[in-house]
Amino acid sequence: MNTVLAVAVTILLSATALLALTRMYRGPSLLDRVIAADTLLATMVAAVGAEAAVNRHATTLPVLVVLSLLGFVGSVALVRFAVREEV
């Protein structure tokens, strides 16, 4: 049962990452690319969290915190840059 669940999660996360990469490549505006990058980072956080849950260890918790903070700070900085550029 765990193997089937792990394969299903891997397939779903891979599809999400592929769609986010597609949006980053084809996005018509800068904000579309920023949202796609944030989605890709959230997918990475979910993948690391799923790996930690499957292997039952908490050593990756600092990695999850750093990735989450990186996504938040990066998104805020890019949106502020985009708003300043439009004005």
PDB file of N, CA and C in Angstrom:
ATOM      1  N   MET A   1       0.819  -1.190   0.000  1.00  0.00           N
ATOM      2  CA  MET A   1       0.000   0.000   0.000  1.00  0.00           C
ATOM      3  C   MET A   1       0.867   1.260   0.000  1.00  0.00           C
ATOM      4  N   ASN A   2       1.950   1.240   0.799  1.00  0.00           N
ATOM      5  CA  ASN A   2       2.823   2.412   0.837  1.00  0.00           C
ATOM      6  C   ASN A   2       3.482   2.669  -0.510  1.00  0.00           C
ATOM      7  N   THR A   3       3.824   1.613  -1.213  1.00  0.00           N
ATOM      8  CA  THR A   3       4.470   1.775  -2.514  1.00  0.00           C
ATOM      9  C   THR A   3       3.521   2.421  -3.508  1.00  0.00           C
ATOM     10  N   VAL A   4       2.278   2.000  -3.520  1.00  0.00           N
ATOM     11  CA  VAL A   4       1.284   2.574  -4.433  1.00  0.00           C
ATOM     12  C   VAL A   4       1.062   4.046  -4.099  1.00  0.00           C
ATOM     13  N   LEU A   5       0.980   4.355  -2.825  1.00  0.00           N
ATOM     14  CA  LEU A   5       0.791   5.746  -2.410  1.00  0.00           C
ATOM     15  C   LEU A   5       2.004   6.599  -2.776  1.00  0.00           C
ATOM     16  N   ALA A   6       3.191   6.069  -2.584  1.00  0.00           N
ATOM     17  CA  ALA A   6       4.411   6.819  -2.929  1.00  0.00           C
ATOM     18  C   ALA A   6       4.495   7.076  -4.429  1.00  0.00           C
ATOM     19  N   VAL A   7       4.117   6.099  -5.230  1.00  0.00           N
ATOM     20  CA  VAL A   7       4.133   6.283  -6.683  1.00  0.00           C
ATOM     21  C   VAL A   7       3.085   7.310  -7.102  1.00  0.00           C
ATOM     22  N   ALA A   8       1.918   7.263  -6.498  1.00  0.00           N
ATOM     23  CA  ALA A   8       0.861   8.223  -6.833  1.00  0.00           C
ATOM     24  C   ALA A   8       1.281   9.641  -6.467  1.00  0.00           C
ATOM     25  N   VAL A   9       1.877   9.816  -5.298  1.00  0.00           N
ATOM     26  CA  VAL A   9       2.336  11.145  -4.881  1.00  0.00           C
ATOM     27  C   VAL A   9       3.440  11.638  -5.798  1.00  0.00           C
ATOM     28  N   THR A  10       4.345  10.742  -6.184  1.00  0.00           N
ATOM     29  CA  THR A  10       5.432  11.118  -7.085  1.00  0.00           C
ATOM     30  C   THR A  10       4.897  11.563  -8.443  1.00  0.00           C
ATOM     31  N   ILE A  11       3.927  10.847  -8.967  1.00  0.00           N
ATOM     32  CA  ILE A  11       3.340  11.205 -10.258  1.00  0.00           C
ATOM     33  C   ILE A  11       2.633  12.557 -10.177  1.00  0.00           C
ATOM     34  N   LEU A  12       1.863  12.789  -9.118  1.00  0.00           N
ATOM     35  CA  LEU A  12       1.150  14.053  -8.977  1.00  0.00           C
ATOM     36  C   LEU A  12       2.100  15.235  -8.794  1.00  0.00           C
ATOM     37  N   LEU A  13       3.129  15.055  -7.982  1.00  0.00           N
ATOM     38  CA  LEU A  13       4.086  16.140  -7.783  1.00  0.00           C
ATOM     39  C   LEU A  13       4.895  16.410  -9.047  1.00  0.00           C
ATOM     40  N   SER A  14       5.213  15.362  -9.792  1.00  0.00           N
ATOM     41  CA  SER A  14       5.935  15.552 -11.051  1.00  0.00           C
ATOM     42  C   SER A  14       5.076  16.298 -12.065  1.00  0.00           C
ATOM     43  N   ALA A  15       3.801  15.956 -12.135  1.00  0.00           N
ATOM     44  CA  ALA A  15       2.900  16.658 -13.050  1.00  0.00           C
ATOM     45  C   ALA A  15       2.764  18.131 -12.662  1.00  0.00           C
ATOM     46  N   THR A  16       2.685  18.395 -11.364  1.00  0.00           N
ATOM     47  CA  THR A  16       2.594  19.779 -10.902  1.00  0.00           C
ATOM     48  C   THR A  16       3.855  20.562 -11.256  1.00  0.00           C
ATOM     49  N   ALA A  17       5.014  19.948 -11.052  1.00  0.00           N
ATOM     50  CA  ALA A  17       6.271  20.622 -11.382  1.00  0.00           C
ATOM     51  C   ALA A  17       6.383  20.871 -12.884  1.00  0.00           C
ATOM     52  N   LEU A  18       5.951  19.913 -13.681  1.00  0.00           N
ATOM     53  CA  LEU A  18       6.005  20.081 -15.131  1.00  0.00           C
ATOM     54  C   LEU A  18       5.089  21.206 -15.598  1.00  0.00           C
ATOM     55  N   LEU A  19       3.899  21.280 -15.033  1.00  0.00           N
ATOM     56  CA  LEU A  19       2.981  22.366 -15.390  1.00  0.00           C
ATOM     57  C   LEU A  19       3.517  23.724 -14.951  1.00  0.00           C
ATOM     58  N   ALA A  20       4.144  23.771 -13.775  1.00  0.00           N
ATOM     59  CA  ALA A  20       4.723  25.038 -13.311  1.00  0.00           C
ATOM     60  C   ALA A  20       5.883  25.468 -14.205  1.00  0.00           C
ATOM     61  N   LEU A  21       6.714  24.518 -14.612  1.00  0.00           N
ATOM     62  CA  LEU A  21       7.814  24.848 -15.519  1.00  0.00           C
ATOM     63  C   LEU A  21       7.299  25.318 -16.877  1.00  0.00           C
ATOM     64  N   THR A  22       6.218  24.709 -17.338  1.00  0.00           N
ATOM     65  CA  THR A  22       5.615  25.141 -18.595  1.00  0.00           C
ATOM     66  C   THR A  22       5.104  26.570 -18.487  1.00  0.00           C
ATOM     67  N   ARG A  23       4.471  26.900 -17.366  1.00  0.00           N
ATOM     68  CA  ARG A  23       3.966  28.259 -17.177  1.00  0.00           C
ATOM     69  C   ARG A  23       5.121  29.248 -17.057  1.00  0.00           C
ATOM     70  N   MET A  24       6.219  28.837 -16.440  1.00  0.00           N
ATOM     71  CA  MET A  24       7.386  29.728 -16.357  1.00  0.00           C
ATOM     72  C   MET A  24       7.962  29.999 -17.739  1.00  0.00           C
ATOM     73  N   TYR A  25       7.948  29.018 -18.591  1.00  0.00           N
ATOM     74  CA  TYR A  25       8.500  29.181 -19.934  1.00  0.00           C
ATOM     75  C   TYR A  25       7.583  29.993 -20.834  1.00  0.00           C
ATOM     76  N   ARG A  26       6.276  29.713 -20.774  1.00  0.00           N
ATOM     77  CA  ARG A  26       5.334  30.324 -21.698  1.00  0.00           C
ATOM     78  C   ARG A  26       4.605  31.530 -21.131  1.00  0.00           C
ATOM     79  N   GLY A  27       4.813  31.831 -19.850  1.00  0.00           N
ATOM     80  CA  GLY A  27       4.049  32.898 -19.209  1.00  0.00           C
ATOM     81  C   GLY A  27       4.154  34.217 -19.941  1.00  0.00           C
ATOM     82  N   PRO A  28       3.027  34.852 -20.246  1.00  0.00           N
ATOM     83  CA  PRO A  28       3.098  36.089 -21.014  1.00  0.00           C
ATOM     84  C   PRO A  28       3.631  37.270 -20.207  1.00  0.00           C
ATOM     85  N   SER A  29       3.485  37.251 -18.901  1.00  0.00           N
ATOM     86  CA  SER A  29       3.934  38.403 -18.117  1.00  0.00           C
ATOM     87  C   SER A  29       4.886  37.950 -17.009  1.00  0.00           C
ATOM     88  N   LEU A  30       5.508  38.930 -16.390  1.00  0.00           N
ATOM     89  CA  LEU A  30       6.439  38.647 -15.305  1.00  0.00           C
ATOM     90  C   LEU A  30       5.709  38.061 -14.102  1.00  0.00           C
ATOM     91  N   LEU A  31       4.527  38.553 -13.807  1.00  0.00           N
ATOM     92  CA  LEU A  31       3.790  38.048 -12.651  1.00  0.00           C
ATOM     93  C   LEU A  31       3.357  36.593 -12.834  1.00  0.00           C
ATOM     94  N   ASP A  32       3.043  36.177 -14.068  1.00  0.00           N
ATOM     95  CA  ASP A  32       2.750  34.767 -14.317  1.00  0.00           C
ATOM     96  C   ASP A  32       3.968  33.898 -14.014  1.00  0.00           C
ATOM     97  N   ARG A  33       5.131  34.385 -14.378  1.00  0.00           N
ATOM     98  CA  ARG A  33       6.358  33.634 -14.116  1.00  0.00           C
ATOM     99  C   ARG A  33       6.673  33.585 -12.623  1.00  0.00           C
ATOM    100  N   VAL A  34       6.374  34.660 -11.905  1.00  0.00           N
ATOM    101  CA  VAL A  34       6.600  34.688 -10.457  1.00  0.00           C
ATOM    102  C   VAL A  34       5.675  33.695  -9.762  1.00  0.00           C
ATOM    103  N   ILE A  35       4.433  33.659 -10.160  1.00  0.00           N
ATOM    104  CA  ILE A  35       3.480  32.722  -9.563  1.00  0.00           C
ATOM    105  C   ILE A  35       3.876  31.280  -9.884  1.00  0.00           C
ATOM    106  N   ALA A  36       4.345  31.043 -11.092  1.00  0.00           N
ATOM    107  CA  ALA A  36       4.798  29.706 -11.460  1.00  0.00           C
ATOM    108  C   ALA A  36       6.024  29.296 -10.648  1.00  0.00           C
ATOM    109  N   ALA A  37       6.939  30.224 -10.413  1.00  0.00           N
ATOM    110  CA  ALA A  37       8.112  29.919  -9.595  1.00  0.00           C
ATOM    111  C   ALA A  37       7.707  29.613  -8.160  1.00  0.00           C
ATOM    112  N   ASP A  38       6.737  30.356  -7.639  1.00  0.00           N
ATOM    113  CA  ASP A  38       6.247  30.099  -6.289  1.00  0.00           C
ATOM    114  C   ASP A  38       5.548  28.739  -6.217  1.00  0.00           C
ATOM    115  N   THR A  39       4.811  28.398  -7.242  1.00  0.00           N
ATOM    116  CA  THR A  39       4.166  27.091  -7.292  1.00  0.00           C
ATOM    117  C   THR A  39       5.198  25.968  -7.360  1.00  0.00           C
ATOM    118  N   LEU A  40       6.245  26.177  -8.127  1.00  0.00           N
ATOM    119  CA  LEU A  40       7.307  25.175  -8.218  1.00  0.00           C
ATOM    120  C   LEU A  40       8.008  25.004  -6.880  1.00  0.00           C
ATOM    121  N   LEU A  41       8.236  26.088  -6.172  1.00  0.00           N
ATOM    122  CA  LEU A  41       8.856  25.993  -4.858  1.00  0.00           C
ATOM    123  C   LEU A  41       7.930  25.314  -3.855  1.00  0.00           C
ATOM    124  N   ALA A  42       6.643  25.578  -3.929  1.00  0.00           N
ATOM    125  CA  ALA A  42       5.686  24.898  -3.054  1.00  0.00           C
ATOM    126  C   ALA A  42       5.641  23.402  -3.361  1.00  0.00           C
ATOM    127  N   THR A  43       5.789  23.046  -4.624  1.00  0.00           N
ATOM    128  CA  THR A  43       5.845  21.635  -5.004  1.00  0.00           C
ATOM    129  C   THR A  43       7.093  20.974  -4.435  1.00  0.00           C
ATOM    130  N   MET A  44       8.209  21.706  -4.457  1.00  0.00           N
ATOM    131  CA  MET A  44       9.427  21.162  -3.865  1.00  0.00           C
ATOM    132  C   MET A  44       9.277  20.954  -2.358  1.00  0.00           C
ATOM    133  N   VAL A  45       8.629  21.883  -1.688  1.00  0.00           N
ATOM    134  CA  VAL A  45       8.381  21.747  -0.252  1.00  0.00           C
ATOM    135  C   VAL A  45       7.484  20.535   0.006  1.00  0.00           C
ATOM    136  N   ALA A  46       6.466  20.361  -0.812  1.00  0.00           N
ATOM    137  CA  ALA A  46       5.588  19.204  -0.658  1.00  0.00           C
ATOM    138  C   ALA A  46       6.331  17.895  -0.897  1.00  0.00           C
ATOM    139  N   ALA A  47       7.226  17.873  -1.864  1.00  0.00           N
ATOM    140  CA  ALA A  47       8.000  16.663  -2.149  1.00  0.00           C
ATOM    141  C   ALA A  47       8.934  16.314  -0.992  1.00  0.00           C
ATOM    142  N   VAL A  48       9.599  17.324  -0.446  1.00  0.00           N
ATOM    143  CA  VAL A  48      10.485  17.071   0.688  1.00  0.00           C
ATOM    144  C   VAL A  48       9.675  16.634   1.913  1.00  0.00           C
ATOM    145  N   GLY A  49       8.532  17.254   2.119  1.00  0.00           N
ATOM    146  CA  GLY A  49       7.654  16.850   3.225  1.00  0.00           C
ATOM    147  C   GLY A  49       7.118  15.443   3.058  1.00  0.00           C
ATOM    148  N   ALA A  50       6.760  15.072   1.830  1.00  0.00           N
ATOM    149  CA  ALA A  50       6.279  13.704   1.584  1.00  0.00           C
ATOM    150  C   ALA A  50       7.397  12.695   1.796  1.00  0.00           C
ATOM    151  N   GLU A  51       8.609  13.040   1.375  1.00  0.00           N
ATOM    152  CA  GLU A  51       9.745  12.140   1.589  1.00  0.00           C
ATOM    153  C   GLU A  51      10.019  11.962   3.077  1.00  0.00           C
ATOM    154  N   ALA A  52       9.920  13.039   3.851  1.00  0.00           N
ATOM    155  CA  ALA A  52      10.125  12.947   5.295  1.00  0.00           C
ATOM    156  C   ALA A  52       9.028  12.117   5.960  1.00  0.00           C
ATOM    157  N   ALA A  53       7.803  12.240   5.473  1.00  0.00           N
ATOM    158  CA  ALA A  53       6.701  11.464   6.051  1.00  0.00           C
ATOM    159  C   ALA A  53       6.824   9.982   5.715  1.00  0.00           C
ATOM    160  N   VAL A  54       7.250   9.673   4.494  1.00  0.00           N
ATOM    161  CA  VAL A  54       7.388   8.268   4.102  1.00  0.00           C
ATOM    162  C   VAL A  54       8.508   7.594   4.873  1.00  0.00           C
ATOM    163  N   ASN A  55       9.637   8.295   5.030  1.00  0.00           N
ATOM    164  CA  ASN A  55      10.786   7.708   5.721  1.00  0.00           C
ATOM    165  C   ASN A  55      10.763   7.932   7.226  1.00  0.00           C
ATOM    166  N   ARG A  56       9.773   8.631   7.721  1.00  0.00           N
ATOM    167  CA  ARG A  56       9.554   8.859   9.148  1.00  0.00           C
ATOM    168  C   ARG A  56      10.773   9.467   9.847  1.00  0.00           C
ATOM    169  N   HIS A  57      11.253  10.576   9.326  1.00  0.00           N
ATOM    170  CA  HIS A  57      12.317  11.304  10.005  1.00  0.00           C
ATOM    171  C   HIS A  57      12.049  12.797   9.915  1.00  0.00           C
ATOM    172  N   ALA A  58      12.569  13.507  10.894  1.00  0.00           N
ATOM    173  CA  ALA A  58      12.308  14.941  10.978  1.00  0.00           C
ATOM    174  C   ALA A  58      13.566  15.760  10.733  1.00  0.00           C
ATOM    175  N   THR A  59      14.575  15.155  10.154  1.00  0.00           N
ATOM    176  CA  THR A  59      15.824  15.888   9.935  1.00  0.00           C
ATOM    177  C   THR A  59      15.707  16.884   8.794  1.00  0.00           C
ATOM    178  N   THR A  60      14.690  16.770   7.976  1.00  0.00           N
ATOM    179  CA  THR A  60      14.524  17.701   6.855  1.00  0.00           C
ATOM    180  C   THR A  60      13.661  18.906   7.221  1.00  0.00           C
ATOM    181  N   LEU A  61      13.275  19.025   8.473  1.00  0.00           N
ATOM    182  CA  LEU A  61      12.460  20.162   8.894  1.00  0.00           C
ATOM    183  C   LEU A  61      13.159  21.505   8.666  1.00  0.00           C
ATOM    184  N   PRO A  62      14.450  21.656   8.971  1.00  0.00           N
ATOM    185  CA  PRO A  62      15.101  22.936   8.650  1.00  0.00           C
ATOM    186  C   PRO A  62      15.106  23.243   7.151  1.00  0.00           C
ATOM    187  N   VAL A  63      15.216  22.232   6.317  1.00  0.00           N
ATOM    188  CA  VAL A  63      15.174  22.435   4.869  1.00  0.00           C
ATOM    189  C   VAL A  63      13.801  22.950   4.455  1.00  0.00           C
ATOM    190  N   LEU A  64      12.755  22.399   5.036  1.00  0.00           N
ATOM    191  CA  LEU A  64      11.399  22.862   4.731  1.00  0.00           C
ATOM    192  C   LEU A  64      11.201  24.313   5.162  1.00  0.00           C
ATOM    193  N   VAL A  65      11.713  24.668   6.319  1.00  0.00           N
ATOM    194  CA  VAL A  65      11.573  26.046   6.802  1.00  0.00           C
ATOM    195  C   VAL A  65      12.323  27.013   5.894  1.00  0.00           C
ATOM    196  N   VAL A  66      13.544  26.658   5.509  1.00  0.00           N
ATOM    197  CA  VAL A  66      14.332  27.538   4.641  1.00  0.00           C
ATOM    198  C   VAL A  66      13.678  27.685   3.273  1.00  0.00           C
ATOM    199  N   LEU A  67      13.185  26.591   2.696  1.00  0.00           N
ATOM    200  CA  LEU A  67      12.521  26.680   1.395  1.00  0.00           C
ATOM    201  C   LEU A  67      11.259  27.536   1.477  1.00  0.00           C
ATOM    202  N   SER A  68      10.505  27.398   2.545  1.00  0.00           N
ATOM    203  CA  SER A  68       9.292  28.201   2.698  1.00  0.00           C
ATOM    204  C   SER A  68       9.622  29.686   2.837  1.00  0.00           C
ATOM    205  N   LEU A  69      10.629  29.998   3.648  1.00  0.00           N
ATOM    206  CA  LEU A  69      11.027  31.399   3.792  1.00  0.00           C
ATOM    207  C   LEU A  69      11.583  31.955   2.493  1.00  0.00           C
ATOM    208  N   LEU A  70      12.346  31.153   1.775  1.00  0.00           N
ATOM    209  CA  LEU A  70      12.876  31.582   0.485  1.00  0.00           C
ATOM    210  C   LEU A  70      11.752  31.893  -0.493  1.00  0.00           C
ATOM    211  N   GLY A  71      10.737  31.052  -0.523  1.00  0.00           N
ATOM    212  CA  GLY A  71       9.598  31.299  -1.407  1.00  0.00           C
ATOM    213  C   GLY A  71       8.843  32.558  -1.041  1.00  0.00           C
ATOM    214  N   PHE A  72       8.631  32.773   0.233  1.00  0.00           N
ATOM    215  CA  PHE A  72       7.897  33.959   0.667  1.00  0.00           C
ATOM    216  C   PHE A  72       8.673  35.233   0.363  1.00  0.00           C
ATOM    217  N   VAL A  73       9.920  35.276   0.771  1.00  0.00           N
ATOM    218  CA  VAL A  73      10.727  36.479   0.563  1.00  0.00           C
ATOM    219  C   VAL A  73      10.940  36.737  -0.931  1.00  0.00           C
ATOM    220  N   GLY A  74      11.172  35.684  -1.690  1.00  0.00           N
ATOM    221  CA  GLY A  74      11.360  35.854  -3.128  1.00  0.00           C
ATOM    222  C   GLY A  74      10.117  36.368  -3.819  1.00  0.00           C
ATOM    223  N   SER A  75       8.972  35.851  -3.453  1.00  0.00           N
ATOM    224  CA  SER A  75       7.726  36.309  -4.064  1.00  0.00           C
ATOM    225  C   SER A  75       7.442  37.771  -3.723  1.00  0.00           C
ATOM    226  N   VAL A  76       7.630  38.127  -2.466  1.00  0.00           N
ATOM    227  CA  VAL A  76       7.382  39.516  -2.066  1.00  0.00           C
ATOM    228  C   VAL A  76       8.339  40.460  -2.777  1.00  0.00           C
ATOM    229  N   ALA A  77       9.601  40.084  -2.874  1.00  0.00           N
ATOM    230  CA  ALA A  77      10.583  40.949  -3.526  1.00  0.00           C
ATOM    231  C   ALA A  77      10.276  41.118  -5.013  1.00  0.00           C
ATOM    232  N   LEU A  78       9.925  40.038  -5.691  1.00  0.00           N
ATOM    233  CA  LEU A  78       9.632  40.141  -7.118  1.00  0.00           C
ATOM    234  C   LEU A  78       8.351  40.915  -7.395  1.00  0.00           C
ATOM    235  N   VAL A  79       7.355  40.756  -6.554  1.00  0.00           N
ATOM    236  CA  VAL A  79       6.114  41.512  -6.749  1.00  0.00           C
ATOM    237  C   VAL A  79       6.364  43.001  -6.501  1.00  0.00           C
ATOM    238  N   ARG A  80       7.160  43.325  -5.490  1.00  0.00           N
ATOM    239  CA  ARG A  80       7.484  44.741  -5.254  1.00  0.00           C
ATOM    240  C   ARG A  80       8.264  45.324  -6.424  1.00  0.00           C
ATOM    241  N   PHE A  81       9.161  44.530  -6.988  1.00  0.00           N
ATOM    242  CA  PHE A  81       9.917  44.971  -8.157  1.00  0.00           C
ATOM    243  C   PHE A  81       8.986  45.178  -9.350  1.00  0.00           C
ATOM    244  N   ALA A  82       8.037  44.260  -9.560  1.00  0.00           N
ATOM    245  CA  ALA A  82       7.115  44.366 -10.686  1.00  0.00           C
ATOM    246  C   ALA A  82       6.188  45.565 -10.535  1.00  0.00           C
ATOM    247  N   VAL A  83       5.730  45.837  -9.331  1.00  0.00           N
ATOM    248  CA  VAL A  83       4.838  46.978  -9.105  1.00  0.00           C
ATOM    249  C   VAL A  83       5.605  48.273  -9.322  1.00  0.00           C
ATOM    250  N   ARG A  84       6.835  48.345  -8.866  1.00  0.00           N
ATOM    251  CA  ARG A  84       7.638  49.550  -9.045  1.00  0.00           C
ATOM    252  C   ARG A  84       7.929  49.788 -10.518  1.00  0.00           C
ATOM    253  N   GLU A  85       8.123  48.711 -11.276  1.00  0.00           N
ATOM    254  CA  GLU A  85       8.430  48.857 -12.701  1.00  0.00           C
ATOM    255  C   GLU A  85       7.209  49.306 -13.502  1.00  0.00           C
ATOM    256  N   GLU A  86       6.008  48.909 -13.113  1.00  0.00           N
ATOM    257  CA  GLU A  86       4.798  49.292 -13.830  1.00  0.00           C
ATOM    258  C   GLU A  86       4.457  50.760 -13.629  1.00  0.00           C
ATOM    259  N   VAL A  87       4.759  51.299 -12.466  1.00  0.00           N
ATOM    260  CA  VAL A  87       4.449  52.708 -12.173  1.00  0.00           C
ATOM    261  C   VAL A  87       5.426  53.576 -12.911  1.00  0.00           C
TER     262      VAL A  87
END
